[in-house]
Amino acid sequence: MNTVTTIRILCVDDHPAFREGIATVVANESDLELVGTAATGKEALEEFRALRPDITLMDLRLPDMSGISAIASVRAEFPEARAIVVTTFEGDYEIQRALTAGACGYLLKSAPLDELVGVIRKVHGGRKHLPAELAENLAVHVGGEALTDREIDVLRRIAEGDRNRDIGEQLKIAEETVKVHVKHIMEKLGAKDRTQAVTIGIRRGVINL
């Protein structure tokens, strides 16, 4: 007699409706079991320690930390952990950061639910998953120079409408240094001005408002 291996799943998302949707989908699959849910990154780590799920479904936006930080925290303790990012965000920066943190899959919440089920089985089988349209988006920017952490800080403050002088005071750097950072940001993002730099930064997932 064949024994079906049950794939144990932890769902991390701060939206109850999404967690309920996952529970409904999983309940209809004989080889899947939802063993736990979490609404924050801290809860995710606690639940992972207690349950040791096979697959963790992780949202990118959590109340206390990013899903990417949560994946990194889990994998720091459990290197074999397999996580699939399930999110509404498709910027290449976020995809790259998620994969670097150790995510095995990346899927948009707009994807059909049967696709999610297939991805769970695929990742559990040891493979990785990145939808073709997201892989293409990522490939477009491969080789491009990434913004430094300081440049991302500056871009966030530009998005908030701060002037160079204000940014310098907040980051405790000279106004001239801020100008250099702004120049590099626009060069790296291919932006003509500060407004376009912010628009591109949001689209690509460099910053979030």
C-alpha atoms as a PDB file:
ATOM      1  CA  MET A   1       0.000   0.000   0.000  1.00  0.00           C
ATOM      2  CA  ASN A   2       1.373   3.451  -0.936  1.00  0.00           C
ATOM      3  CA  THR A   3       1.779   5.849   1.945  1.00  0.00           C
ATOM      4  CA  VAL A   4       1.046   9.458   1.062  1.00  0.00           C
ATOM      5  CA  THR A   5       3.527  11.897   2.580  1.00  0.00           C
ATOM      6  CA  THR A   6       1.719  14.790   4.202  1.00  0.00           C
ATOM      7  CA  ILE A   7       3.306  18.188   3.610  1.00  0.00           C
ATOM      8  CA  ARG A   8       2.988  20.220   6.807  1.00  0.00           C
ATOM      9  CA  ILE A   9       2.481  23.955   6.197  1.00  0.00           C
ATOM     10  CA  LEU A  10       2.880  27.102   8.285  1.00  0.00           C
ATOM     11  CA  CYS A  11       1.136  30.207   6.903  1.00  0.00           C
ATOM     12  CA  VAL A  12       2.536  33.613   7.924  1.00  0.00           C
ATOM     13  CA  ASP A  13       0.336  36.562   6.951  1.00  0.00           C
ATOM     14  CA  ASP A  14      -1.240  39.396   8.937  1.00  0.00           C
ATOM     15  CA  HIS A  15      -4.494  39.257   6.964  1.00  0.00           C
ATOM     16  CA  PRO A  16      -6.970  36.776   8.532  1.00  0.00           C
ATOM     17  CA  ALA A  17      -8.897  36.439   5.249  1.00  0.00           C
ATOM     18  CA  PHE A  18      -5.760  35.250   3.436  1.00  0.00           C
ATOM     19  CA  ARG A  19      -4.957  32.725   6.194  1.00  0.00           C
ATOM     20  CA  GLU A  20      -8.539  31.444   6.013  1.00  0.00           C
ATOM     21  CA  GLY A  21      -8.260  31.144   2.240  1.00  0.00           C
ATOM     22  CA  ILE A  22      -5.088  29.072   2.572  1.00  0.00           C
ATOM     23  CA  ALA A  23      -6.785  26.868   5.186  1.00  0.00           C
ATOM     24  CA  THR A  24      -9.667  26.205   2.792  1.00  0.00           C
ATOM     25  CA  VAL A  25      -7.371  25.356  -0.111  1.00  0.00           C
ATOM     26  CA  VAL A  26      -5.183  23.068   1.986  1.00  0.00           C
ATOM     27  CA  ALA A  27      -8.204  21.271   3.476  1.00  0.00           C
ATOM     28  CA  ASN A  28      -9.153  20.094  -0.023  1.00  0.00           C
ATOM     29  CA  GLU A  29      -5.767  18.445  -0.654  1.00  0.00           C
ATOM     30  CA  SER A  30      -5.137  15.010   0.875  1.00  0.00           C
ATOM     31  CA  ASP A  31      -1.354  15.470   0.964  1.00  0.00           C
ATOM     32  CA  LEU A  32      -1.346  18.953   2.541  1.00  0.00           C
ATOM     33  CA  GLU A  33      -1.933  19.957   6.157  1.00  0.00           C
ATOM     34  CA  LEU A  34      -2.004  23.458   7.644  1.00  0.00           C
ATOM     35  CA  VAL A  35      -0.324  22.929  11.025  1.00  0.00           C
ATOM     36  CA  GLY A  36      -0.086  26.553  12.121  1.00  0.00           C
ATOM     37  CA  THR A  37      -0.514  30.238  11.311  1.00  0.00           C
ATOM     38  CA  ALA A  38       1.262  33.417  12.390  1.00  0.00           C
ATOM     39  CA  ALA A  39       0.576  37.126  11.893  1.00  0.00           C
ATOM     40  CA  THR A  40       4.021  38.539  12.724  1.00  0.00           C
ATOM     41  CA  GLY A  41       7.662  37.653  12.095  1.00  0.00           C
ATOM     42  CA  LYS A  42       8.194  36.971  15.816  1.00  0.00           C
ATOM     43  CA  GLU A  43       5.231  34.574  15.869  1.00  0.00           C
ATOM     44  CA  ALA A  44       6.544  32.923  12.705  1.00  0.00           C
ATOM     45  CA  LEU A  45       9.847  32.064  14.394  1.00  0.00           C
ATOM     46  CA  GLU A  46       8.081  30.806  17.534  1.00  0.00           C
ATOM     47  CA  GLU A  47       5.661  28.683  15.511  1.00  0.00           C
ATOM     48  CA  PHE A  48       8.459  27.288  13.342  1.00  0.00           C
ATOM     49  CA  ARG A  49      10.419  26.237  16.430  1.00  0.00           C
ATOM     50  CA  ALA A  50       7.357  24.507  17.879  1.00  0.00           C
ATOM     51  CA  LEU A  51       5.996  22.895  14.704  1.00  0.00           C
ATOM     52  CA  ARG A  52       8.974  22.390  12.359  1.00  0.00           C
ATOM     53  CA  PRO A  53       6.780  22.628   9.229  1.00  0.00           C
ATOM     54  CA  ASP A  54       7.918  21.322   5.842  1.00  0.00           C
ATOM     55  CA  ILE A  55       6.890  24.505   4.045  1.00  0.00           C
ATOM     56  CA  THR A  56       6.376  28.074   5.301  1.00  0.00           C
ATOM     57  CA  LEU A  57       4.216  30.449   3.259  1.00  0.00           C
ATOM     58  CA  MET A  58       5.499  33.958   3.991  1.00  0.00           C
ATOM     59  CA  ASP A  59       4.034  37.371   3.236  1.00  0.00           C
ATOM     60  CA  LEU A  60       6.539  40.200   2.659  1.00  0.00           C
ATOM     61  CA  ARG A  61       4.673  42.796   4.738  1.00  0.00           C
ATOM     62  CA  LEU A  62       4.359  41.932   8.419  1.00  0.00           C
ATOM     63  CA  PRO A  63       3.620  44.333  11.307  1.00  0.00           C
ATOM     64  CA  ASP A  64       6.945  43.876  13.113  1.00  0.00           C
ATOM     65  CA  MET A  65       9.484  43.069  10.377  1.00  0.00           C
ATOM     66  CA  SER A  66       9.700  42.230   6.689  1.00  0.00           C
ATOM     67  CA  GLY A  67       8.965  38.695   5.558  1.00  0.00           C
ATOM     68  CA  ILE A  68      12.499  38.631   4.165  1.00  0.00           C
ATOM     69  CA  SER A  69      13.924  39.281   7.650  1.00  0.00           C
ATOM     70  CA  ALA A  70      11.617  36.606   9.052  1.00  0.00           C
ATOM     71  CA  ILE A  71      12.869  34.052   6.500  1.00  0.00           C
ATOM     72  CA  ALA A  72      16.471  34.958   7.315  1.00  0.00           C
ATOM     73  CA  SER A  73      15.781  34.561  11.060  1.00  0.00           C
ATOM     74  CA  VAL A  74      14.170  31.154  10.589  1.00  0.00           C
ATOM     75  CA  ARG A  75      16.947  29.904   8.318  1.00  0.00           C
ATOM     76  CA  ALA A  76      19.624  31.154  10.705  1.00  0.00           C
ATOM     77  CA  GLU A  77      18.298  28.581  13.195  1.00  0.00           C
ATOM     78  CA  PHE A  78      16.979  26.014  10.725  1.00  0.00           C
ATOM     79  CA  PRO A  79      19.074  26.076   7.512  1.00  0.00           C
ATOM     80  CA  GLU A  80      16.930  23.339   5.978  1.00  0.00           C
ATOM     81  CA  ALA A  81      13.732  25.438   6.265  1.00  0.00           C
ATOM     82  CA  ARG A  82      11.841  25.861   3.002  1.00  0.00           C
ATOM     83  CA  ALA A  83       9.892  29.077   2.528  1.00  0.00           C
ATOM     84  CA  ILE A  84       7.691  30.329  -0.286  1.00  0.00           C
ATOM     85  CA  VAL A  85       7.023  34.063  -0.479  1.00  0.00           C
ATOM     86  CA  VAL A  86       3.362  34.738  -1.315  1.00  0.00           C
ATOM     87  CA  THR A  87       2.871  38.451  -1.854  1.00  0.00           C
ATOM     88  CA  THR A  88       1.401  41.242  -3.975  1.00  0.00           C
ATOM     89  CA  PHE A  89       4.840  42.752  -4.617  1.00  0.00           C
ATOM     90  CA  GLU A  90       6.712  41.975  -7.828  1.00  0.00           C
ATOM     91  CA  GLY A  91       9.665  44.384  -7.759  1.00  0.00           C
ATOM     92  CA  ASP A  92      13.003  42.861  -8.742  1.00  0.00           C
ATOM     93  CA  TYR A  93      14.728  44.208  -5.620  1.00  0.00           C
ATOM     94  CA  GLU A  94      12.329  42.339  -3.330  1.00  0.00           C
ATOM     95  CA  ILE A  95      12.539  39.135  -5.355  1.00  0.00           C
ATOM     96  CA  GLN A  96      16.340  39.277  -5.235  1.00  0.00           C
ATOM     97  CA  ARG A  97      16.379  39.976  -1.486  1.00  0.00           C
ATOM     98  CA  ALA A  98      13.935  37.126  -0.818  1.00  0.00           C
ATOM     99  CA  LEU A  99      16.006  34.633  -2.805  1.00  0.00           C
ATOM    100  CA  THR A 100      19.194  35.833  -1.090  1.00  0.00           C
ATOM    101  CA  ALA A 101      17.522  35.342   2.309  1.00  0.00           C
ATOM    102  CA  GLY A 102      16.827  31.730   1.335  1.00  0.00           C
ATOM    103  CA  ALA A 103      13.310  31.682  -0.100  1.00  0.00           C
ATOM    104  CA  CYS A 104      12.761  28.628  -2.304  1.00  0.00           C
ATOM    105  CA  GLY A 105       9.784  30.055  -4.139  1.00  0.00           C
ATOM    106  CA  TYR A 106       8.109  33.361  -4.950  1.00  0.00           C
ATOM    107  CA  LEU A 107       4.466  33.648  -5.948  1.00  0.00           C
ATOM    108  CA  LEU A 108       2.016  36.520  -6.368  1.00  0.00           C
ATOM    109  CA  LYS A 109      -1.251  36.432  -4.421  1.00  0.00           C
ATOM    110  CA  SER A 110      -3.053  36.988  -7.721  1.00  0.00           C
ATOM    111  CA  ALA A 111      -1.939  33.535  -8.921  1.00  0.00           C
ATOM    112  CA  PRO A 112      -4.606  30.789  -9.153  1.00  0.00           C
ATOM    113  CA  LEU A 113      -4.868  28.743  -5.963  1.00  0.00           C
ATOM    114  CA  ASP A 114      -4.153  25.492  -7.799  1.00  0.00           C
ATOM    115  CA  GLU A 115      -0.844  27.033  -8.871  1.00  0.00           C
ATOM    116  CA  LEU A 116       0.010  27.651  -5.208  1.00  0.00           C
ATOM    117  CA  VAL A 117      -0.721  24.011  -4.418  1.00  0.00           C
ATOM    118  CA  GLY A 118       1.587  22.937  -7.243  1.00  0.00           C
ATOM    119  CA  VAL A 119       4.360  25.253  -6.038  1.00  0.00           C
ATOM    120  CA  ILE A 120       4.103  23.852  -2.491  1.00  0.00           C
ATOM    121  CA  ARG A 121       4.590  20.324  -3.845  1.00  0.00           C
ATOM    122  CA  LYS A 122       7.396  21.463  -6.153  1.00  0.00           C
ATOM    123  CA  VAL A 123       9.362  23.180  -3.370  1.00  0.00           C
ATOM    124  CA  HIS A 124       8.752  20.275  -1.002  1.00  0.00           C
ATOM    125  CA  GLY A 125      10.288  18.058  -3.677  1.00  0.00           C
ATOM    126  CA  GLY A 126      13.498  20.070  -3.516  1.00  0.00           C
ATOM    127  CA  ARG A 127      12.992  22.395  -6.471  1.00  0.00           C
ATOM    128  CA  LYS A 128      12.701  26.172  -6.627  1.00  0.00           C
ATOM    129  CA  HIS A 129       9.965  28.252  -8.202  1.00  0.00           C
ATOM    130  CA  LEU A 130       9.879  31.712  -9.744  1.00  0.00           C
ATOM    131  CA  PRO A 131       7.039  32.555 -12.167  1.00  0.00           C
ATOM    132  CA  ALA A 132       8.207  33.277 -15.714  1.00  0.00           C
ATOM    133  CA  GLU A 133       7.046  36.913 -15.684  1.00  0.00           C
ATOM    134  CA  LEU A 134       8.920  37.599 -12.434  1.00  0.00           C
ATOM    135  CA  ALA A 135      12.038  35.790 -13.660  1.00  0.00           C
ATOM    136  CA  GLU A 136      11.926  37.980 -16.756  1.00  0.00           C
ATOM    137  CA  ASN A 137      11.569  41.119 -14.628  1.00  0.00           C
ATOM    138  CA  LEU A 138      14.555  40.001 -12.550  1.00  0.00           C
ATOM    139  CA  ALA A 139      16.641  39.239 -15.639  1.00  0.00           C
ATOM    140  CA  VAL A 140      16.102  42.742 -17.031  1.00  0.00           C
ATOM    141  CA  HIS A 141      17.987  44.209 -14.071  1.00  0.00           C
ATOM    142  CA  VAL A 142      20.663  41.546 -13.592  1.00  0.00           C
ATOM    143  CA  GLY A 143      24.088  43.121 -13.723  1.00  0.00           C
ATOM    144  CA  GLY A 144      22.776  46.548 -12.802  1.00  0.00           C
ATOM    145  CA  GLU A 145      24.488  48.201  -9.867  1.00  0.00           C
ATOM    146  CA  ALA A 146      22.425  47.905  -6.691  1.00  0.00           C
ATOM    147  CA  LEU A 147      21.784  50.827  -4.385  1.00  0.00           C
ATOM    148  CA  THR A 148      23.740  50.801  -1.135  1.00  0.00           C
ATOM    149  CA  ASP A 149      21.902  50.787   2.210  1.00  0.00           C
ATOM    150  CA  ARG A 150      22.776  54.482   2.657  1.00  0.00           C
ATOM    151  CA  GLU A 151      21.435  55.331  -0.806  1.00  0.00           C
ATOM    152  CA  ILE A 152      18.203  53.487   0.004  1.00  0.00           C
ATOM    153  CA  ASP A 153      17.934  55.539   3.231  1.00  0.00           C
ATOM    154  CA  VAL A 154      18.362  58.728   1.204  1.00  0.00           C
ATOM    155  CA  LEU A 155      15.790  57.610  -1.389  1.00  0.00           C
ATOM    156  CA  ARG A 156      13.249  56.885   1.370  1.00  0.00           C
ATOM    157  CA  ARG A 157      13.666  60.421   2.680  1.00  0.00           C
ATOM    158  CA  ILE A 158      13.390  61.890  -0.808  1.00  0.00           C
ATOM    159  CA  ALA A 159      10.089  59.989  -1.111  1.00  0.00           C
ATOM    160  CA  GLU A 160       8.944  61.678   2.108  1.00  0.00           C
ATOM    161  CA  GLY A 161       9.612  65.056   0.521  1.00  0.00           C
ATOM    162  CA  ASP A 162      12.732  65.967   2.530  1.00  0.00           C
ATOM    163  CA  ARG A 163      15.281  68.398   1.120  1.00  0.00           C
ATOM    164  CA  ASN A 164      18.991  67.588   0.985  1.00  0.00           C
ATOM    165  CA  ARG A 165      19.675  69.696   4.070  1.00  0.00           C
ATOM    166  CA  ASP A 166      16.974  67.868   6.063  1.00  0.00           C
ATOM    167  CA  ILE A 167      18.250  64.482   4.887  1.00  0.00           C
ATOM    168  CA  GLY A 168      21.792  65.410   5.930  1.00  0.00           C
ATOM    169  CA  GLU A 169      20.610  66.395   9.412  1.00  0.00           C
ATOM    170  CA  GLN A 170      18.568  63.205   9.825  1.00  0.00           C
ATOM    171  CA  LEU A 171      21.366  60.909   8.641  1.00  0.00           C
ATOM    172  CA  LYS A 172      24.099  63.009  10.305  1.00  0.00           C
ATOM    173  CA  ILE A 173      26.019  63.517   7.059  1.00  0.00           C
ATOM    174  CA  ALA A 174      27.047  66.651   5.152  1.00  0.00           C
ATOM    175  CA  GLU A 175      24.638  68.171   2.638  1.00  0.00           C
ATOM    176  CA  GLU A 176      27.301  67.766  -0.059  1.00  0.00           C
ATOM    177  CA  THR A 177      27.461  64.038   0.736  1.00  0.00           C
ATOM    178  CA  VAL A 178      23.670  63.830   0.327  1.00  0.00           C
ATOM    179  CA  LYS A 179      24.000  65.441  -3.120  1.00  0.00           C
ATOM    180  CA  VAL A 180      26.546  62.779  -4.130  1.00  0.00           C
ATOM    181  CA  HIS A 181      24.184  60.030  -2.932  1.00  0.00           C
ATOM    182  CA  VAL A 182      21.290  61.564  -4.894  1.00  0.00           C
ATOM    183  CA  LYS A 183      23.444  61.690  -8.035  1.00  0.00           C
ATOM    184  CA  HIS A 184      24.383  58.007  -7.655  1.00  0.00           C
ATOM    185  CA  ILE A 185      20.759  57.020  -6.984  1.00  0.00           C
ATOM    186  CA  MET A 186      19.561  58.672 -10.193  1.00  0.00           C
ATOM    187  CA  GLU A 187      22.389  57.132 -12.221  1.00  0.00           C
ATOM    188  CA  LYS A 188      21.746  53.621 -10.898  1.00  0.00           C
ATOM    189  CA  LEU A 189      17.965  53.823 -11.374  1.00  0.00           C
ATOM    190  CA  GLY A 190      18.184  55.630 -14.711  1.00  0.00           C
ATOM    191  CA  ALA A 191      16.065  58.476 -13.373  1.00  0.00           C
ATOM    192  CA  LYS A 192      15.939  62.020 -14.766  1.00  0.00           C
ATOM    193  CA  ASP A 193      14.948  63.660 -11.486  1.00  0.00           C
ATOM    194  CA  ARG A 194      14.095  62.982  -7.829  1.00  0.00           C
ATOM    195  CA  THR A 195      10.408  62.307  -8.531  1.00  0.00           C
ATOM    196  CA  GLN A 196      11.205  59.713 -11.189  1.00  0.00           C
ATOM    197  CA  ALA A 197      13.797  58.114  -8.882  1.00  0.00           C
ATOM    198  CA  VAL A 198      11.087  57.639  -6.245  1.00  0.00           C
ATOM    199  CA  THR A 199       8.629  56.238  -8.811  1.00  0.00           C
ATOM    200  CA  ILE A 200      11.181  53.731 -10.124  1.00  0.00           C
ATOM    201  CA  GLY A 201      12.277  52.870  -6.576  1.00  0.00           C
ATOM    202  CA  ILE A 202       8.700  52.023  -5.567  1.00  0.00           C
ATOM    203  CA  ARG A 203       7.997  50.022  -8.740  1.00  0.00           C
ATOM    204  CA  ARG A 204      11.129  47.926  -8.336  1.00  0.00           C
ATOM    205  CA  GLY A 205      10.610  47.365  -4.605  1.00  0.00           C
ATOM    206  CA  VAL A 206      13.667  49.349  -3.494  1.00  0.00           C
ATOM    207  CA  ILE A 207      11.457  51.366  -1.140  1.00  0.00           C
ATOM    208  CA  ASN A 208       7.856  51.139   0.023  1.00  0.00           C
ATOM    209  CA  LEU A 209       5.549  53.921   1.095  1.00  0.00           C
END
